[in-house]
Amino acid sequence: MSAYVSSGPAIALIEFKSIARGITATDVMAKKAPVIILEASPLSPGKYMTLIGGEVADVEESLQAGIEKAGDLLINQLFLPQVHTSILPALSGNYPKDKIESLGILETFSVASCVVASDIAAKTSDARLVKIRLANGLGGKAFFVISGSLPDVEASMEAAAAFVRAEGLLTAFEIIQNPHPDMIAKGAF
């Protein structure tokens, strides 16, 4: 996955039913406003995802252009105008491998719901996002990992799971207290 860099406090994401429409809509989005394409790629099974970042108004304008171009081939979309600062590093997998007291893992059926849930989790407690993995090699599903003290991880996971459950897109969530050091060192997640 590419390194994520954003010039502003907003991100937006669109999932498309069609790879061809996704590529075309990504071009429309990039031309509509000065945004950064953070990720644009085919996903299994035969979907496409575009993730953009930038200043709030620019991202919102670009997202609307992408939604219009998507038409009936839109699966899901999201707009996060005040995205938590840990979202972009977690998407790139750049996380500290220091002692991790507890881990929370939340898996969703939708890329968009995973990004929103990870933002909720990061804003709920002092737990920190470790990783967000979106769809590629996951059959279109997505998951995030958060770490911290057990009470912080529990609070963050409860808030994130409540959101995804209400959307009907929760696959599963788990909490691991004192994960084995080899799991952390080997990046088992």
C-alpha atoms as a PDB file:
ATOM      1  CA  MET A   1       0.000   0.000   0.000  1.00  0.00           C
ATOM      2  CA  SER A   2       1.209   3.510  -0.743  1.00  0.00           C
ATOM      3  CA  ALA A   3       2.306   6.013   1.891  1.00  0.00           C
ATOM      4  CA  TYR A   4      -0.560   8.326   2.793  1.00  0.00           C
ATOM      5  CA  VAL A   5       0.072  12.054   3.009  1.00  0.00           C
ATOM      6  CA  SER A   6      -2.692  14.613   3.351  1.00  0.00           C
ATOM      7  CA  SER A   7      -2.581  18.378   3.138  1.00  0.00           C
ATOM      8  CA  GLY A   8      -5.761  18.874   5.104  1.00  0.00           C
ATOM      9  CA  PRO A   9      -8.103  17.593   7.746  1.00  0.00           C
ATOM     10  CA  ALA A  10     -10.602  15.739   5.528  1.00  0.00           C
ATOM     11  CA  ILE A  11     -10.828  12.433   3.699  1.00  0.00           C
ATOM     12  CA  ALA A  12     -13.482  10.920   1.471  1.00  0.00           C
ATOM     13  CA  LEU A  13     -13.917   7.444   0.075  1.00  0.00           C
ATOM     14  CA  ILE A  14     -16.115   5.906  -2.592  1.00  0.00           C
ATOM     15  CA  GLU A  15     -16.655   2.198  -3.283  1.00  0.00           C
ATOM     16  CA  PHE A  16     -17.854   1.379  -6.798  1.00  0.00           C
ATOM     17  CA  LYS A  17     -19.545  -1.739  -8.242  1.00  0.00           C
ATOM     18  CA  SER A  18     -17.527  -1.265 -11.439  1.00  0.00           C
ATOM     19  CA  ILE A  19     -13.766  -0.994 -11.927  1.00  0.00           C
ATOM     20  CA  ALA A  20     -14.192   0.994 -15.164  1.00  0.00           C
ATOM     21  CA  ARG A  21     -16.593   3.477 -13.535  1.00  0.00           C
ATOM     22  CA  GLY A  22     -14.291   3.749 -10.515  1.00  0.00           C
ATOM     23  CA  ILE A  23     -11.313   4.699 -12.656  1.00  0.00           C
ATOM     24  CA  THR A  24     -13.353   7.264 -14.583  1.00  0.00           C
ATOM     25  CA  ALA A  25     -14.868   8.743 -11.421  1.00  0.00           C
ATOM     26  CA  THR A  26     -11.424   8.997  -9.813  1.00  0.00           C
ATOM     27  CA  ASP A  27     -10.279  11.114 -12.747  1.00  0.00           C
ATOM     28  CA  VAL A  28     -13.372  13.324 -12.393  1.00  0.00           C
ATOM     29  CA  MET A  29     -12.722  13.711  -8.663  1.00  0.00           C
ATOM     30  CA  ALA A  30      -9.069  14.654  -9.145  1.00  0.00           C
ATOM     31  CA  LYS A  31      -9.961  17.240 -11.780  1.00  0.00           C
ATOM     32  CA  LYS A  32     -12.839  18.784  -9.795  1.00  0.00           C
ATOM     33  CA  ALA A  33     -10.813  20.194  -6.875  1.00  0.00           C
ATOM     34  CA  PRO A  34      -7.231  20.216  -5.561  1.00  0.00           C
ATOM     35  CA  VAL A  35      -7.287  16.926  -3.633  1.00  0.00           C
ATOM     36  CA  ILE A  36      -4.712  14.198  -3.173  1.00  0.00           C
ATOM     37  CA  ILE A  37      -5.558  10.692  -4.348  1.00  0.00           C
ATOM     38  CA  LEU A  38      -4.486   8.618  -1.357  1.00  0.00           C
ATOM     39  CA  GLU A  39      -5.579   5.280  -2.824  1.00  0.00           C
ATOM     40  CA  ALA A  40      -7.324   4.238  -6.020  1.00  0.00           C
ATOM     41  CA  SER A  41      -7.434   0.548  -6.819  1.00  0.00           C
ATOM     42  CA  PRO A  42      -9.501  -2.457  -7.826  1.00  0.00           C
ATOM     43  CA  LEU A  43     -10.798  -4.571  -4.933  1.00  0.00           C
ATOM     44  CA  SER A  44     -12.087  -8.076  -4.816  1.00  0.00           C
ATOM     45  CA  PRO A  45     -14.644  -9.117  -5.804  1.00  0.00           C
ATOM     46  CA  GLY A  46     -14.606  -6.837  -8.863  1.00  0.00           C
ATOM     47  CA  LYS A  47     -15.093  -3.526  -7.059  1.00  0.00           C
ATOM     48  CA  TYR A  48     -13.086  -0.291  -7.087  1.00  0.00           C
ATOM     49  CA  MET A  49     -12.194   2.110  -4.277  1.00  0.00           C
ATOM     50  CA  THR A  50     -11.044   5.718  -4.319  1.00  0.00           C
ATOM     51  CA  LEU A  51      -9.753   7.475  -1.182  1.00  0.00           C
ATOM     52  CA  ILE A  52      -8.919  11.185  -1.341  1.00  0.00           C
ATOM     53  CA  GLY A  53      -7.663  13.763   1.144  1.00  0.00           C
ATOM     54  CA  GLY A  54      -7.236  17.507   1.401  1.00  0.00           C
ATOM     55  CA  GLU A  55      -8.936  20.608   2.665  1.00  0.00           C
ATOM     56  CA  VAL A  56     -12.541  20.137   3.790  1.00  0.00           C
ATOM     57  CA  ALA A  57     -14.294  22.139   1.047  1.00  0.00           C
ATOM     58  CA  ASP A  58     -12.121  20.661  -1.721  1.00  0.00           C
ATOM     59  CA  VAL A  59     -12.678  17.083  -0.559  1.00  0.00           C
ATOM     60  CA  GLU A  60     -16.420  17.624  -0.258  1.00  0.00           C
ATOM     61  CA  GLU A  61     -16.619  19.134  -3.767  1.00  0.00           C
ATOM     62  CA  SER A  62     -14.550  16.317  -5.246  1.00  0.00           C
ATOM     63  CA  LEU A  63     -16.606  13.663  -3.441  1.00  0.00           C
ATOM     64  CA  GLN A  64     -19.863  15.060  -4.830  1.00  0.00           C
ATOM     65  CA  ALA A  65     -18.434  14.922  -8.350  1.00  0.00           C
ATOM     66  CA  GLY A  66     -17.418  11.293  -7.783  1.00  0.00           C
ATOM     67  CA  ILE A  67     -20.853  10.356  -6.439  1.00  0.00           C
ATOM     68  CA  GLU A  68     -22.530  11.929  -9.464  1.00  0.00           C
ATOM     69  CA  LYS A  69     -20.229  10.055 -11.841  1.00  0.00           C
ATOM     70  CA  ALA A  70     -20.754   6.779  -9.948  1.00  0.00           C
ATOM     71  CA  GLY A  71     -24.509   6.909 -10.489  1.00  0.00           C
ATOM     72  CA  ASP A  72     -26.148   3.539  -9.922  1.00  0.00           C
ATOM     73  CA  LEU A  73     -22.706   1.893  -9.621  1.00  0.00           C
ATOM     74  CA  LEU A  74     -22.106   3.440  -6.167  1.00  0.00           C
ATOM     75  CA  ILE A  75     -21.794   0.913  -3.329  1.00  0.00           C
ATOM     76  CA  ASN A  76     -20.891   3.185  -0.426  1.00  0.00           C
ATOM     77  CA  GLN A  77     -19.263   6.509   0.326  1.00  0.00           C
ATOM     78  CA  LEU A  78     -17.974   8.486   3.266  1.00  0.00           C
ATOM     79  CA  PHE A  79     -16.869  12.006   4.086  1.00  0.00           C
ATOM     80  CA  LEU A  80     -14.839  12.672   7.261  1.00  0.00           C
ATOM     81  CA  PRO A  81     -14.206  16.407   7.606  1.00  0.00           C
ATOM     82  CA  GLN A  82     -12.346  16.220  10.925  1.00  0.00           C
ATOM     83  CA  VAL A  83     -10.542  12.923  10.514  1.00  0.00           C
ATOM     84  CA  HIS A  84      -8.431  11.743  13.463  1.00  0.00           C
ATOM     85  CA  THR A  85      -4.720  12.333  12.883  1.00  0.00           C
ATOM     86  CA  SER A  86      -3.901   8.633  13.310  1.00  0.00           C
ATOM     87  CA  ILE A  87      -6.077   7.452  10.393  1.00  0.00           C
ATOM     88  CA  LEU A  88      -3.582   8.141   7.586  1.00  0.00           C
ATOM     89  CA  PRO A  89      -0.548   6.568   9.314  1.00  0.00           C
ATOM     90  CA  ALA A  90      -2.683   3.518  10.212  1.00  0.00           C
ATOM     91  CA  LEU A  91      -3.714   3.144   6.568  1.00  0.00           C
ATOM     92  CA  SER A  92      -0.064   3.003   5.544  1.00  0.00           C
ATOM     93  CA  GLY A  93       0.739   0.446   8.277  1.00  0.00           C
ATOM     94  CA  ASN A  94       3.372   2.659   9.921  1.00  0.00           C
ATOM     95  CA  TYR A  95       2.861   1.791  13.554  1.00  0.00           C
ATOM     96  CA  PRO A  96       5.245   1.630  16.493  1.00  0.00           C
ATOM     97  CA  LYS A  97       6.097  -1.921  17.509  1.00  0.00           C
ATOM     98  CA  ASP A  98       6.725  -1.067  21.136  1.00  0.00           C
ATOM     99  CA  LYS A  99       5.004  -2.899  23.988  1.00  0.00           C
ATOM    100  CA  ILE A 100       1.353  -3.300  23.215  1.00  0.00           C
ATOM    101  CA  GLU A 101      -0.750  -3.893  26.303  1.00  0.00           C
ATOM    102  CA  SER A 102      -4.020  -4.828  24.582  1.00  0.00           C
ATOM    103  CA  LEU A 103      -5.275  -5.056  20.995  1.00  0.00           C
ATOM    104  CA  GLY A 104      -8.717  -4.572  19.528  1.00  0.00           C
ATOM    105  CA  ILE A 105      -9.511  -5.876  16.051  1.00  0.00           C
ATOM    106  CA  LEU A 106     -12.727  -4.934  14.242  1.00  0.00           C
ATOM    107  CA  GLU A 107     -13.683  -6.450  10.871  1.00  0.00           C
ATOM    108  CA  THR A 108     -16.392  -5.084   8.570  1.00  0.00           C
ATOM    109  CA  PHE A 109     -18.096  -6.004   5.311  1.00  0.00           C
ATOM    110  CA  SER A 110     -17.535  -2.471   3.951  1.00  0.00           C
ATOM    111  CA  VAL A 111     -14.445  -0.328   3.435  1.00  0.00           C
ATOM    112  CA  ALA A 112     -16.317   2.883   4.214  1.00  0.00           C
ATOM    113  CA  SER A 113     -17.792   1.537   7.447  1.00  0.00           C
ATOM    114  CA  CYS A 114     -14.327   0.413   8.575  1.00  0.00           C
ATOM    115  CA  VAL A 115     -12.795   3.858   8.049  1.00  0.00           C
ATOM    116  CA  VAL A 116     -15.629   5.575   9.942  1.00  0.00           C
ATOM    117  CA  ALA A 117     -15.457   2.982  12.741  1.00  0.00           C
ATOM    118  CA  SER A 118     -11.685   3.420  13.076  1.00  0.00           C
ATOM    119  CA  ASP A 119     -12.172   7.196  13.339  1.00  0.00           C
ATOM    120  CA  ILE A 120     -14.796   6.648  16.063  1.00  0.00           C
ATOM    121  CA  ALA A 121     -12.485   4.244  17.902  1.00  0.00           C
ATOM    122  CA  ALA A 122      -9.559   6.679  17.774  1.00  0.00           C
ATOM    123  CA  LYS A 123     -11.701   9.546  19.090  1.00  0.00           C
ATOM    124  CA  THR A 124     -13.320   7.513  21.904  1.00  0.00           C
ATOM    125  CA  SER A 125     -10.306   6.913  24.149  1.00  0.00           C
ATOM    126  CA  ASP A 126      -6.533   7.209  24.426  1.00  0.00           C
ATOM    127  CA  ALA A 127      -6.107   3.935  22.510  1.00  0.00           C
ATOM    128  CA  ARG A 128      -4.179   4.438  19.262  1.00  0.00           C
ATOM    129  CA  LEU A 129      -4.823   3.087  15.815  1.00  0.00           C
ATOM    130  CA  VAL A 130      -2.173   0.628  14.735  1.00  0.00           C
ATOM    131  CA  LYS A 131      -3.365  -0.479  11.323  1.00  0.00           C
ATOM    132  CA  ILE A 132      -6.258  -0.160   8.904  1.00  0.00           C
ATOM    133  CA  ARG A 133      -6.477  -2.652   6.058  1.00  0.00           C
ATOM    134  CA  LEU A 134      -8.939  -2.037   3.252  1.00  0.00           C
ATOM    135  CA  ALA A 135     -10.385  -4.789   1.057  1.00  0.00           C
ATOM    136  CA  ASN A 136      -7.399  -5.912  -1.068  1.00  0.00           C
ATOM    137  CA  GLY A 137      -6.855  -9.595  -0.441  1.00  0.00           C
ATOM    138  CA  LEU A 138      -9.781  -9.613   2.008  1.00  0.00           C
ATOM    139  CA  GLY A 139     -12.684 -10.426  -0.302  1.00  0.00           C
ATOM    140  CA  GLY A 140     -13.857  -6.819  -0.127  1.00  0.00           C
ATOM    141  CA  LYS A 141     -13.924  -6.712   3.680  1.00  0.00           C
ATOM    142  CA  ALA A 142     -11.824  -4.379   5.843  1.00  0.00           C
ATOM    143  CA  PHE A 143     -10.447  -4.298   9.380  1.00  0.00           C
ATOM    144  CA  PHE A 144      -8.600  -2.082  11.824  1.00  0.00           C
ATOM    145  CA  VAL A 145      -6.406  -2.734  14.840  1.00  0.00           C
ATOM    146  CA  ILE A 146      -6.195  -0.438  17.869  1.00  0.00           C
ATOM    147  CA  SER A 147      -3.910  -0.705  20.908  1.00  0.00           C
ATOM    148  CA  GLY A 148      -3.715   0.686  24.419  1.00  0.00           C
ATOM    149  CA  SER A 149      -4.763  -0.121  27.944  1.00  0.00           C
ATOM    150  CA  LEU A 150      -7.499  -2.732  28.249  1.00  0.00           C
ATOM    151  CA  PRO A 151     -10.161  -0.196  29.406  1.00  0.00           C
ATOM    152  CA  ASP A 152      -9.288   2.173  26.537  1.00  0.00           C
ATOM    153  CA  VAL A 153      -9.358  -0.611  23.944  1.00  0.00           C
ATOM    154  CA  GLU A 154     -12.674  -1.892  25.321  1.00  0.00           C
ATOM    155  CA  ALA A 155     -14.246   1.581  25.206  1.00  0.00           C
ATOM    156  CA  SER A 156     -13.007   2.234  21.666  1.00  0.00           C
ATOM    157  CA  MET A 157     -14.140  -1.162  20.413  1.00  0.00           C
ATOM    158  CA  GLU A 158     -17.589  -0.855  21.993  1.00  0.00           C
ATOM    159  CA  ALA A 159     -18.164   2.535  20.329  1.00  0.00           C
ATOM    160  CA  ALA A 160     -16.868   1.410  16.923  1.00  0.00           C
ATOM    161  CA  ALA A 161     -18.745  -1.910  17.016  1.00  0.00           C
ATOM    162  CA  ALA A 162     -22.008  -0.141  17.934  1.00  0.00           C
ATOM    163  CA  PHE A 163     -21.700   2.052  14.840  1.00  0.00           C
ATOM    164  CA  VAL A 164     -20.883  -0.819  12.460  1.00  0.00           C
ATOM    165  CA  ARG A 165     -23.532  -3.085  14.005  1.00  0.00           C
ATOM    166  CA  ALA A 166     -26.176  -0.363  13.446  1.00  0.00           C
ATOM    167  CA  GLU A 167     -25.078  -0.206   9.790  1.00  0.00           C
ATOM    168  CA  GLY A 168     -25.524  -3.994   9.531  1.00  0.00           C
ATOM    169  CA  LEU A 169     -21.889  -4.359   8.391  1.00  0.00           C
ATOM    170  CA  LEU A 170     -20.106  -5.879  11.387  1.00  0.00           C
ATOM    171  CA  THR A 171     -18.268  -9.121  10.658  1.00  0.00           C
ATOM    172  CA  ALA A 172     -16.622  -9.542  14.063  1.00  0.00           C
ATOM    173  CA  PHE A 173     -14.532  -7.834  16.715  1.00  0.00           C
ATOM    174  CA  GLU A 174     -12.054  -9.239  19.209  1.00  0.00           C
ATOM    175  CA  ILE A 175      -9.929  -7.943  22.080  1.00  0.00           C
ATOM    176  CA  ILE A 176      -6.588  -9.509  22.993  1.00  0.00           C
ATOM    177  CA  GLN A 177      -5.094  -8.686  26.378  1.00  0.00           C
ATOM    178  CA  ASN A 178      -1.274  -8.910  26.485  1.00  0.00           C
ATOM    179  CA  PRO A 179      -0.696 -10.177  22.925  1.00  0.00           C
ATOM    180  CA  HIS A 180       2.306 -12.448  22.458  1.00  0.00           C
ATOM    181  CA  PRO A 181       5.444 -10.420  21.523  1.00  0.00           C
ATOM    182  CA  ASP A 182       6.091 -12.583  18.433  1.00  0.00           C
ATOM    183  CA  MET A 183       2.696 -11.596  17.090  1.00  0.00           C
ATOM    184  CA  ILE A 184       3.661  -7.933  17.291  1.00  0.00           C
ATOM    185  CA  ALA A 185       7.196  -8.431  15.954  1.00  0.00           C
ATOM    186  CA  LYS A 186       5.977 -10.482  12.991  1.00  0.00           C
ATOM    187  CA  GLY A 187       3.128  -8.098  12.176  1.00  0.00           C
ATOM    188  CA  ALA A 188       0.549 -10.870  12.476  1.00  0.00           C
ATOM    189  CA  PHE A 189      -2.127  -8.334  11.779  1.00  0.00           C
END
